C-alpha atoms as a PDB file:
ATOM      1  CA  MET A   1       6.278  10.017 -10.051  1.00  0.00           C
ATOM      2  CA  GLY A   2       6.531  13.740  -9.895  1.00  0.00           C
ATOM      3  CA  MET A   3       5.858  14.126 -13.522  1.00  0.00           C
ATOM      4  CA  SER A   4       3.182  13.205 -16.249  1.00  0.00           C
ATOM      5  CA  ILE A   5       3.520   9.654 -17.597  1.00  0.00           C
ATOM      6  CA  PRO A   6       1.913   8.647 -20.796  1.00  0.00           C
ATOM      7  CA  VAL A   7      -0.242   5.609 -21.099  1.00  0.00           C
ATOM      8  CA  ARG A   8      -1.711   4.147 -24.188  1.00  0.00           C
ATOM      9  CA  VAL A   9      -5.154   2.541 -23.919  1.00  0.00           C
ATOM     10  CA  ILE A  10      -7.124   0.392 -26.135  1.00  0.00           C
ATOM     11  CA  LEU A  11     -10.701   0.356 -25.195  1.00  0.00           C
ATOM     12  CA  PRO A  12     -13.187  -2.583 -25.831  1.00  0.00           C
ATOM     13  CA  ALA A  13     -15.437  -2.293 -28.847  1.00  0.00           C
ATOM     14  CA  SER A  14     -18.445  -2.210 -26.368  1.00  0.00           C
ATOM     15  CA  TRP A  15     -17.082   0.222 -24.014  1.00  0.00           C
ATOM     16  CA  SER A  16     -19.229   3.024 -25.076  1.00  0.00           C
ATOM     17  CA  LYS A  17     -22.256   0.913 -25.594  1.00  0.00           C
ATOM     18  CA  LYS A  18     -22.245  -0.455 -21.962  1.00  0.00           C
ATOM     19  CA  PRO A  19     -21.699   2.473 -19.902  1.00  0.00           C
ATOM     20  CA  LYS A  20     -22.189   0.542 -16.754  1.00  0.00           C
ATOM     21  CA  ALA A  21     -20.100  -2.553 -17.533  1.00  0.00           C
ATOM     22  CA  THR A  22     -16.630  -3.291 -16.150  1.00  0.00           C
ATOM     23  CA  PHE A  23     -14.005  -5.058 -18.252  1.00  0.00           C
ATOM     24  CA  PRO A  24     -10.941  -7.395 -17.696  1.00  0.00           C
ATOM     25  CA  VAL A  25      -7.704  -5.702 -18.212  1.00  0.00           C
ATOM     26  CA  LEU A  26      -4.399  -6.663 -20.027  1.00  0.00           C
ATOM     27  CA  TYR A  27      -1.288  -4.751 -18.954  1.00  0.00           C
ATOM     28  CA  MET A  28       1.522  -4.768 -21.516  1.00  0.00           C
ATOM     29  CA  LEU A  29       4.955  -3.563 -20.583  1.00  0.00           C
ATOM     30  CA  HIS A  30       7.609  -2.433 -22.933  1.00  0.00           C
ATOM     31  CA  GLY A  31      11.257  -3.360 -23.037  1.00  0.00           C
ATOM     32  CA  GLY A  32      14.286  -1.420 -22.095  1.00  0.00           C
ATOM     33  CA  VAL A  33      15.295   1.570 -24.281  1.00  0.00           C
ATOM     34  CA  ASP A  34      11.702   1.826 -25.543  1.00  0.00           C
ATOM     35  CA  ASP A  35       8.392   3.375 -24.595  1.00  0.00           C
ATOM     36  CA  TYR A  36       4.659   2.928 -24.365  1.00  0.00           C
ATOM     37  CA  THR A  37       4.154   3.121 -28.101  1.00  0.00           C
ATOM     38  CA  SER A  38       6.237  -0.001 -28.880  1.00  0.00           C
ATOM     39  CA  TRP A  39       3.285  -2.621 -28.805  1.00  0.00           C
ATOM     40  CA  THR A  40       1.197  -0.591 -31.236  1.00  0.00           C
ATOM     41  CA  ARG A  41       4.243   0.415 -33.226  1.00  0.00           C
ATOM     42  CA  GLU A  42       5.705  -3.018 -33.634  1.00  0.00           C
ATOM     43  CA  THR A  43       2.725  -5.398 -33.492  1.00  0.00           C
ATOM     44  CA  ASP A  44      -0.963  -5.614 -34.487  1.00  0.00           C
ATOM     45  CA  VAL A  45      -2.187  -5.730 -30.981  1.00  0.00           C
ATOM     46  CA  GLU A  46      -5.015  -3.282 -31.890  1.00  0.00           C
ATOM     47  CA  ALA A  47      -6.382  -5.758 -34.344  1.00  0.00           C
ATOM     48  CA  LEU A  48      -6.020  -8.614 -32.017  1.00  0.00           C
ATOM     49  CA  ALA A  49      -7.899  -6.741 -29.308  1.00  0.00           C
ATOM     50  CA  GLU A  50     -10.712  -5.489 -31.547  1.00  0.00           C
ATOM     51  CA  ASN A  51     -13.199  -8.190 -30.738  1.00  0.00           C
ATOM     52  CA  SER A  52     -11.743  -9.452 -27.487  1.00  0.00           C
ATOM     53  CA  ASP A  53     -13.657  -7.022 -25.191  1.00  0.00           C
ATOM     54  CA  VAL A  54     -10.832  -6.234 -22.840  1.00  0.00           C
ATOM     55  CA  LEU A  55      -9.041  -3.023 -21.786  1.00  0.00           C
ATOM     56  CA  VAL A  56      -5.477  -3.153 -22.987  1.00  0.00           C
ATOM     57  CA  VAL A  57      -3.283  -0.815 -21.059  1.00  0.00           C
ATOM     58  CA  MET A  58       0.367   0.041 -22.305  1.00  0.00           C
ATOM     59  CA  PRO A  59       2.138   2.417 -19.699  1.00  0.00           C
ATOM     60  CA  ASP A  60       5.345   4.147 -20.224  1.00  0.00           C
ATOM     61  CA  ALA A  61       8.269   3.174 -17.933  1.00  0.00           C
ATOM     62  CA  SER A  62      11.186   5.266 -19.157  1.00  0.00           C
ATOM     63  CA  GLN A  63      14.173   3.876 -20.873  1.00  0.00           C
ATOM     64  CA  THR A  64      15.683   1.796 -18.063  1.00  0.00           C
ATOM     65  CA  PRO A  65      12.988   1.382 -15.351  1.00  0.00           C
ATOM     66  CA  TYR A  66      13.893  -1.966 -13.893  1.00  0.00           C
ATOM     67  CA  TYR A  67      10.095  -1.979 -12.901  1.00  0.00           C
ATOM     68  CA  SER A  68      10.799  -1.150  -9.351  1.00  0.00           C
ATOM     69  CA  ASP A  69      10.462   1.529  -6.658  1.00  0.00           C
ATOM     70  CA  TRP A  70      14.197   2.734  -6.629  1.00  0.00           C
ATOM     71  CA  LEU A  71      16.006   2.441  -3.503  1.00  0.00           C
ATOM     72  CA  ALA A  72      18.005   5.554  -3.637  1.00  0.00           C
ATOM     73  CA  GLY A  73      15.088   8.069  -3.766  1.00  0.00           C
ATOM     74  CA  GLY A  74      14.450   7.655  -7.520  1.00  0.00           C
ATOM     75  CA  PRO A  75      11.233   6.979  -9.289  1.00  0.00           C
ATOM     76  CA  ARG A  76       8.585   4.693  -7.915  1.00  0.00           C
ATOM     77  CA  TRP A  77       7.615   2.650 -10.936  1.00  0.00           C
ATOM     78  CA  GLU A  78       6.079  -0.346  -9.002  1.00  0.00           C
ATOM     79  CA  THR A  79       3.683   1.910  -7.120  1.00  0.00           C
ATOM     80  CA  PHE A  80       2.703   3.741 -10.182  1.00  0.00           C
ATOM     81  CA  HIS A  81       1.972   0.781 -12.222  1.00  0.00           C
ATOM     82  CA  THR A  82       0.523  -1.531  -9.620  1.00  0.00           C
ATOM     83  CA  VAL A  83      -1.229   0.872  -7.362  1.00  0.00           C
ATOM     84  CA  GLU A  84      -1.945   4.329  -9.065  1.00  0.00           C
ATOM     85  CA  LEU A  85      -2.498   3.115 -12.580  1.00  0.00           C
ATOM     86  CA  VAL A  86      -4.832   0.271 -11.426  1.00  0.00           C
ATOM     87  CA  ARG A  87      -6.930   2.689  -9.592  1.00  0.00           C
ATOM     88  CA  LEU A  88      -7.142   5.109 -12.542  1.00  0.00           C
ATOM     89  CA  MET A  89      -8.144   2.409 -14.739  1.00  0.00           C
ATOM     90  CA  GLU A  90     -10.883   1.433 -12.353  1.00  0.00           C
ATOM     91  CA  LYS A  91     -12.153   4.893 -11.675  1.00  0.00           C
ATOM     92  CA  GLN A  92     -11.953   6.364 -15.222  1.00  0.00           C
ATOM     93  CA  TYR A  93     -12.036   3.482 -17.553  1.00  0.00           C
ATOM     94  CA  ARG A  94     -14.164   0.910 -15.699  1.00  0.00           C
ATOM     95  CA  ALA A  95     -11.582  -1.756 -15.309  1.00  0.00           C
ATOM     96  CA  GLY A  96     -12.608  -4.793 -13.387  1.00  0.00           C
ATOM     97  CA  PRO A  97     -10.602  -7.004 -10.881  1.00  0.00           C
ATOM     98  CA  SER A  98      -9.531  -9.557 -13.646  1.00  0.00           C
ATOM     99  CA  ARG A  99      -6.038  -8.774 -14.854  1.00  0.00           C
ATOM    100  CA  ALA A 100      -3.247 -10.308 -16.918  1.00  0.00           C
ATOM    101  CA  ILE A 101       0.134  -8.855 -17.502  1.00  0.00           C
ATOM    102  CA  MET A 102       2.797  -9.549 -20.253  1.00  0.00           C
ATOM    103  CA  GLY A 103       6.017  -7.928 -21.217  1.00  0.00           C
ATOM    104  CA  LEU A 104       9.172  -8.480 -23.400  1.00  0.00           C
ATOM    105  CA  SER A 105      12.817  -8.344 -22.509  1.00  0.00           C
ATOM    106  CA  MET A 106      13.095  -5.959 -19.576  1.00  0.00           C
ATOM    107  CA  GLY A 107       9.224  -5.622 -19.554  1.00  0.00           C
ATOM    108  CA  GLY A 108       8.908  -9.490 -19.166  1.00  0.00           C
ATOM    109  CA  PHE A 109      11.043  -9.087 -16.056  1.00  0.00           C
ATOM    110  CA  GLY A 110       8.851  -6.418 -14.958  1.00  0.00           C
ATOM    111  CA  ALA A 111       5.764  -8.524 -15.405  1.00  0.00           C
ATOM    112  CA  LEU A 112       7.243 -11.385 -13.468  1.00  0.00           C
ATOM    113  CA  VAL A 113       8.357  -8.946 -10.644  1.00  0.00           C
ATOM    114  CA  TYR A 114       5.065  -7.359 -10.441  1.00  0.00           C
ATOM    115  CA  ALA A 115       3.152 -10.808 -10.340  1.00  0.00           C
ATOM    116  CA  ALA A 116       5.592 -12.107  -7.644  1.00  0.00           C
ATOM    117  CA  ARG A 117       5.427  -9.138  -5.487  1.00  0.00           C
ATOM    118  CA  HIS A 118       1.516  -8.865  -5.769  1.00  0.00           C
ATOM    119  CA  PRO A 119       0.430 -12.421  -5.438  1.00  0.00           C
ATOM    120  CA  ARG A 120      -2.917 -13.136  -7.227  1.00  0.00           C
ATOM    121  CA  MET A 121      -3.221  -9.703  -8.590  1.00  0.00           C
ATOM    122  CA  PHE A 122      -2.944 -11.137 -12.149  1.00  0.00           C
ATOM    123  CA  ARG A 123      -4.615 -14.470 -13.493  1.00  0.00           C
ATOM    124  CA  TYR A 124      -1.973 -14.699 -16.077  1.00  0.00           C
ATOM    125  CA  VAL A 125       1.565 -13.416 -16.621  1.00  0.00           C
ATOM    126  CA  ALA A 126       3.701 -13.813 -19.751  1.00  0.00           C
ATOM    127  CA  SER A 127       7.322 -13.094 -19.998  1.00  0.00           C
ATOM    128  CA  MET A 128       8.965 -12.984 -23.394  1.00  0.00           C
ATOM    129  CA  SER A 129      12.883 -13.095 -23.681  1.00  0.00           C
ATOM    130  CA  SER A 130      13.497 -11.905 -20.340  1.00  0.00           C
ATOM    131  CA  TYR A 131      16.050 -12.898 -17.667  1.00  0.00           C
ATOM    132  CA  VAL A 132      14.384 -14.456 -14.764  1.00  0.00           C
ATOM    133  CA  ASP A 133      17.323 -14.752 -12.094  1.00  0.00           C
ATOM    134  CA  LEU A 134      19.189 -11.822 -10.788  1.00  0.00           C
ATOM    135  CA  ASN A 135      21.629 -14.371  -9.445  1.00  0.00           C
ATOM    136  CA  GLU A 136      22.830 -15.654 -12.788  1.00  0.00           C
ATOM    137  CA  PRO A 137      26.456 -14.424 -13.594  1.00  0.00           C
ATOM    138  CA  SER A 138      25.306 -13.768 -17.229  1.00  0.00           C
ATOM    139  CA  VAL A 139      22.522 -11.423 -15.900  1.00  0.00           C
ATOM    140  CA  ARG A 140      24.812  -9.544 -13.690  1.00  0.00           C
ATOM    141  CA  LEU A 141      27.140  -8.955 -16.565  1.00  0.00           C
ATOM    142  CA  SER A 142      24.278  -7.757 -18.671  1.00  0.00           C
ATOM    143  CA  LEU A 143      22.999  -5.391 -16.080  1.00  0.00           C
ATOM    144  CA  ALA A 144      26.511  -4.030 -15.550  1.00  0.00           C
ATOM    145  CA  ALA A 145      26.864  -3.622 -19.385  1.00  0.00           C
ATOM    146  CA  GLY A 146      23.521  -1.796 -19.573  1.00  0.00           C
ATOM    147  CA  ALA A 147      24.527   0.533 -16.667  1.00  0.00           C
ATOM    148  CA  LYS A 148      27.604   1.477 -18.505  1.00  0.00           C
ATOM    149  CA  LYS A 149      25.984   1.882 -21.807  1.00  0.00           C
ATOM    150  CA  TYR A 150      22.763   3.654 -20.482  1.00  0.00           C
ATOM    151  CA  GLY A 151      23.938   5.450 -17.280  1.00  0.00           C
ATOM    152  CA  THR A 152      21.500   3.540 -14.964  1.00  0.00           C
ATOM    153  CA  ASP A 153      23.352   2.337 -11.962  1.00  0.00           C
ATOM    154  CA  THR A 154      21.539  -0.712 -10.486  1.00  0.00           C
ATOM    155  CA  ASN A 155      22.895   0.217  -7.054  1.00  0.00           C
ATOM    156  CA  LYS A 156      20.510   3.109  -7.248  1.00  0.00           C
ATOM    157  CA  VAL A 157      17.760   0.670  -7.934  1.00  0.00           C
ATOM    158  CA  TRP A 158      18.248  -2.073  -5.484  1.00  0.00           C
ATOM    159  CA  GLY A 159      21.380  -1.088  -3.549  1.00  0.00           C
ATOM    160  CA  ASP A 160      24.672  -2.756  -3.305  1.00  0.00           C
ATOM    161  CA  PRO A 161      24.298  -6.554  -4.465  1.00  0.00           C
ATOM    162  CA  VAL A 162      26.035  -7.663  -1.188  1.00  0.00           C
ATOM    163  CA  LYS A 163      24.992  -5.097   1.505  1.00  0.00           C
ATOM    164  CA  ASN A 164      21.471  -4.936   0.130  1.00  0.00           C
ATOM    165  CA  ALA A 165      21.170  -8.586  -0.895  1.00  0.00           C
ATOM    166  CA  ASP A 166      17.635  -8.924   0.577  1.00  0.00           C
ATOM    167  CA  VAL A 167      16.350  -6.139  -1.652  1.00  0.00           C
ATOM    168  CA  TRP A 168      17.818  -7.844  -4.767  1.00  0.00           C
ATOM    169  CA  GLN A 169      16.233 -11.172  -3.744  1.00  0.00           C
ATOM    170  CA  ALA A 170      12.917  -9.385  -3.184  1.00  0.00           C
ATOM    171  CA  HIS A 171      12.993  -8.225  -6.785  1.00  0.00           C
ATOM    172  CA  ASN A 172      14.212 -11.532  -8.101  1.00  0.00           C
ATOM    173  CA  PRO A 173      11.517 -13.700  -9.730  1.00  0.00           C
ATOM    174  CA  ALA A 174      13.571 -16.933  -9.389  1.00  0.00           C
ATOM    175  CA  ALA A 175      13.793 -16.419  -5.616  1.00  0.00           C
ATOM    176  CA  MET A 176      10.094 -16.230  -5.261  1.00  0.00           C
ATOM    177  CA  PRO A 177       8.570 -19.263  -7.156  1.00  0.00           C
ATOM    178  CA  ARG A 178       5.810 -19.766  -4.455  1.00  0.00           C
ATOM    179  CA  SER A 179       4.474 -16.250  -4.897  1.00  0.00           C
ATOM    180  CA  PHE A 180       3.219 -17.213  -8.395  1.00  0.00           C
ATOM    181  CA  ARG A 181       0.688 -19.714  -7.017  1.00  0.00           C
ATOM    182  CA  GLY A 182      -2.764 -18.868  -8.410  1.00  0.00           C
ATOM    183  CA  THR A 183      -1.377 -17.164 -11.437  1.00  0.00           C
ATOM    184  CA  HIS A 184      -0.561 -19.023 -14.765  1.00  0.00           C
ATOM    185  CA  VAL A 185       2.970 -18.199 -15.796  1.00  0.00           C
ATOM    186  CA  HIS A 186       4.112 -18.325 -19.352  1.00  0.00           C
ATOM    187  CA  LEU A 187       7.823 -18.148 -20.279  1.00  0.00           C
ATOM    188  CA  SER A 188       9.206 -18.001 -23.748  1.00  0.00           C
ATOM    189  CA  SER A 189      12.501 -17.357 -25.516  1.00  0.00           C
ATOM    190  CA  GLY A 190      14.489 -18.281 -28.594  1.00  0.00           C
ATOM    191  CA  ASN A 191      17.858 -19.864 -28.535  1.00  0.00           C
ATOM    192  CA  GLY A 192      19.833 -17.081 -29.977  1.00  0.00           C
ATOM    193  CA  ILE A 193      20.328 -18.602 -33.483  1.00  0.00           C
ATOM    194  CA  PRO A 194      19.167 -16.344 -36.323  1.00  0.00           C
ATOM    195  CA  GLY A 195      16.594 -17.375 -38.732  1.00  0.00           C
ATOM    196  CA  PRO A 196      14.589 -16.260 -41.672  1.00  0.00           C
ATOM    197  CA  TRP A 197      12.877 -13.417 -39.838  1.00  0.00           C
ATOM    198  CA  ASP A 198      16.409 -11.912 -39.244  1.00  0.00           C
ATOM    199  CA  MET A 199      16.843 -11.410 -42.993  1.00  0.00           C
ATOM    200  CA  GLY A 200      17.424  -7.839 -43.838  1.00  0.00           C
ATOM    201  CA  ARG A 201      18.773  -6.680 -40.463  1.00  0.00           C
ATOM    202  CA  THR A 202      22.345  -5.380 -40.192  1.00  0.00           C
ATOM    203  CA  ALA A 203      25.118  -7.754 -39.063  1.00  0.00           C
ATOM    204  CA  ASN A 204      25.465  -5.839 -35.833  1.00  0.00           C
ATOM    205  CA  ASP A 205      21.864  -5.835 -34.918  1.00  0.00           C
ATOM    206  CA  VAL A 206      21.669  -9.579 -35.474  1.00  0.00           C
ATOM    207  CA  LEU A 207      24.738 -10.191 -33.382  1.00  0.00           C
ATOM    208  CA  LEU A 208      23.537  -8.193 -30.580  1.00  0.00           C
ATOM    209  CA  SER A 209      20.001  -9.911 -30.635  1.00  0.00           C
ATOM    210  CA  MET A 210      21.841 -13.295 -30.671  1.00  0.00           C
ATOM    211  CA  LEU A 211      23.868 -12.448 -27.599  1.00  0.00           C
ATOM    212  CA  GLY A 212      20.828 -10.962 -25.740  1.00  0.00           C
ATOM    213  CA  GLU A 213      18.706 -14.216 -26.365  1.00  0.00           C
ATOM    214  CA  ALA A 214      21.191 -17.136 -26.076  1.00  0.00           C
ATOM    215  CA  PRO A 215      21.734 -17.192 -22.304  1.00  0.00           C
ATOM    216  CA  LEU A 216      17.924 -17.227 -21.627  1.00  0.00           C
ATOM    217  CA  PRO A 217      16.571 -20.847 -22.251  1.00  0.00           C
ATOM    218  CA  LYS A 218      18.686 -22.354 -19.603  1.00  0.00           C
ATOM    219  CA  GLN A 219      17.723 -20.007 -16.771  1.00  0.00           C
ATOM    220  CA  ILE A 220      14.027 -20.098 -17.956  1.00  0.00           C
ATOM    221  CA  GLU A 221      14.121 -23.942 -17.921  1.00  0.00           C
ATOM    222  CA  LYS A 222      15.447 -23.931 -14.367  1.00  0.00           C
ATOM    223  CA  PHE A 223      12.719 -21.362 -13.301  1.00  0.00           C
ATOM    224  CA  ALA A 224      10.088 -23.307 -14.795  1.00  0.00           C
ATOM    225  CA  ARG A 225      10.983 -26.385 -12.943  1.00  0.00           C
ATOM    226  CA  SER A 226      11.084 -24.479  -9.757  1.00  0.00           C
ATOM    227  CA  LEU A 227       7.634 -23.083 -10.327  1.00  0.00           C
ATOM    228  CA  SER A 228       6.308 -26.355 -11.136  1.00  0.00           C
ATOM    229  CA  SER A 229       7.608 -27.937  -7.925  1.00  0.00           C
ATOM    230  CA  GLU A 230       5.720 -25.281  -6.051  1.00  0.00           C
ATOM    231  CA  GLY A 231       2.485 -26.184  -7.754  1.00  0.00           C
ATOM    232  CA  VAL A 232       2.546 -23.238 -10.043  1.00  0.00           C
ATOM    233  CA  ASP A 233       0.731 -23.608 -13.494  1.00  0.00           C
ATOM    234  CA  VAL A 234       3.444 -22.824 -15.843  1.00  0.00           C
ATOM    235  CA  THR A 235       4.080 -23.262 -19.590  1.00  0.00           C
ATOM    236  CA  THR A 236       7.054 -22.609 -21.619  1.00  0.00           C
ATOM    237  CA  HIS A 237       7.840 -21.976 -25.375  1.00  0.00           C
ATOM    238  CA  LEU A 238      11.564 -22.433 -26.131  1.00  0.00           C
ATOM    239  CA  TYR A 239      11.882 -22.032 -29.809  1.00  0.00           C
ATOM    240  CA  THR A 240      14.540 -22.281 -32.540  1.00  0.00           C
ATOM    241  CA  PRO A 241      15.556 -20.274 -34.419  1.00  0.00           C
ATOM    242  CA  GLY A 242      15.026 -17.066 -32.414  1.00  0.00           C
ATOM    243  CA  THR A 243      16.818 -13.879 -31.591  1.00  0.00           C
ATOM    244  CA  HIS A 244      16.028 -11.054 -29.394  1.00  0.00           C
ATOM    245  CA  SER A 245      13.885  -9.114 -31.869  1.00  0.00           C
ATOM    246  CA  TRP A 246      10.362  -8.047 -32.585  1.00  0.00           C
ATOM    247  CA  ALA A 247       9.645 -10.652 -35.406  1.00  0.00           C
ATOM    248  CA  TYR A 248       9.663 -13.408 -32.857  1.00  0.00           C
ATOM    249  CA  TRP A 249       7.764 -11.457 -30.084  1.00  0.00           C
ATOM    250  CA  ARG A 250       5.002 -10.632 -32.625  1.00  0.00           C
ATOM    251  CA  ASN A 251       4.729 -14.394 -33.336  1.00  0.00           C
ATOM    252  CA  GLU A 252       4.576 -15.101 -29.592  1.00  0.00           C
ATOM    253  CA  LEU A 253       1.944 -12.460 -29.004  1.00  0.00           C
ATOM    254  CA  HIS A 254      -0.364 -14.149 -31.555  1.00  0.00           C
ATOM    255  CA  ARG A 255       0.541 -17.626 -30.158  1.00  0.00           C
ATOM    256  CA  ILE A 256      -0.431 -16.832 -26.554  1.00  0.00           C
ATOM    257  CA  TRP A 257      -3.289 -14.298 -27.283  1.00  0.00           C
ATOM    258  CA  PRO A 258      -6.254 -16.964 -27.081  1.00  0.00           C
ATOM    259  CA  GLU A 259      -4.832 -18.314 -23.775  1.00  0.00           C
ATOM    260  CA  VAL A 260      -4.464 -14.777 -22.357  1.00  0.00           C
ATOM    261  CA  MET A 261      -8.134 -13.906 -23.183  1.00  0.00           C
ATOM    262  CA  GLY A 262      -9.236 -17.246 -21.801  1.00  0.00           C
ATOM    263  CA  SER A 263      -7.682 -16.514 -18.505  1.00  0.00           C
ATOM    264  CA  LEU A 264      -9.666 -13.162 -18.420  1.00  0.00           C
ATOM    265  CA  GLY A 265     -12.778 -14.911 -19.330  1.00  0.00           C
ATOM    266  CA  ARG A 266     -13.064 -13.756 -22.971  1.00  0.00           C
ATOM    267  CA  LYS A 267     -12.911 -15.669 -26.175  1.00  0.00           C
ATOM    268  CA  ALA A 268     -10.300 -14.591 -28.910  1.00  0.00           C
ATOM    269  CA  PRO A 269     -12.290 -14.790 -32.168  1.00  0.00           C
ATOM    270  CA  GLY A 270      -9.225 -13.549 -34.110  1.00  0.00           C
ATOM    271  CA  ALA A 271      -7.735 -10.300 -35.425  1.00  0.00           C
ATOM    272  CA  GLY A 272     -10.159  -7.854 -37.001  1.00  0.00           C
ATOM    273  CA  ASP A 273      -9.361  -5.150 -39.453  1.00  0.00           C
ATOM    274  CA  GLY A 274      -7.894  -2.716 -36.903  1.00  0.00           C
ATOM    275  CA  ARG A 275     -10.932  -0.432 -36.668  1.00  0.00           C
ATOM    276  CA  HIS A 276     -11.134   0.141 -32.841  1.00  0.00           C
ATOM    277  CA  SER A 277     -11.770   2.632 -30.203  1.00  0.00           C
ATOM    278  CA  SER A 278      -8.804   3.981 -28.543  1.00  0.00           C
ATOM    279  CA  SER A 279      -7.571   6.762 -26.339  1.00  0.00           C
ATOM    280  CA  ARG A 280      -4.476   8.030 -24.595  1.00  0.00           C
ATOM    281  CA  ALA A 281      -4.490   8.960 -20.890  1.00  0.00           C
ATOM    282  CA  ARG A 282      -1.948  11.324 -19.367  1.00  0.00           C
ATOM    283  CA  ILE A 283      -1.421  10.709 -15.801  1.00  0.00           C
ATOM    284  CA  ARG A 284       0.009  12.792 -13.087  1.00  0.00           C
END
């Protein structure tokens, strides 16, 4: 990466008591225009993790990472997250070979990309409110709008959509359904209709979160059918109402937590009082 990258780590309660033990790992990826503090800032994942006896690893990925090794000599996020960070967790934090990964919005896309490009690396992948098909016109429009607003040209990430179509498809979850065999895939999103959890937000914020969520269910349903046809174990949760916002992602985190822990061979006894052992690792 050529720079220090912050990573927030929640340690299992028994980490110090069992100095020779290894632990399953849950990687949690943040959304666009956010950072590695988002999951602990916006959810009670610390309390959820308290009694689960897993490592929870939340790496930074910049504002618009696209969770890829950029084609035009840019950052190599995929290598950092799936190779360097994994080795560091194994060497310094006693991470074991059992892994799950989840993310929301752009982080949900990243979780799917990593799982597809590294088959069987993860036992479970959850994508919340993320686009899943780079070929969808609405996704191309969204990427173009994001590039204009935040200054990240996707041509620098995957090249020209026509000349480098192979690169785009190699980072397109919908184009790689067979790669998910051996991994449980969970896909969720709302339908863009605001509900009680949107009360108190500004009209502009609600409108943007409606627009960000509304196109997702259709492509998620299509992707889920494609995964199922390839023999992939897939579940979906398409809920209404639901916008592109944290209130719904917090609810989804609680909803799937027992299943995620089960995939890692751990029980989820329920959230504790938030007292836990945690640390932050700075990685070069």
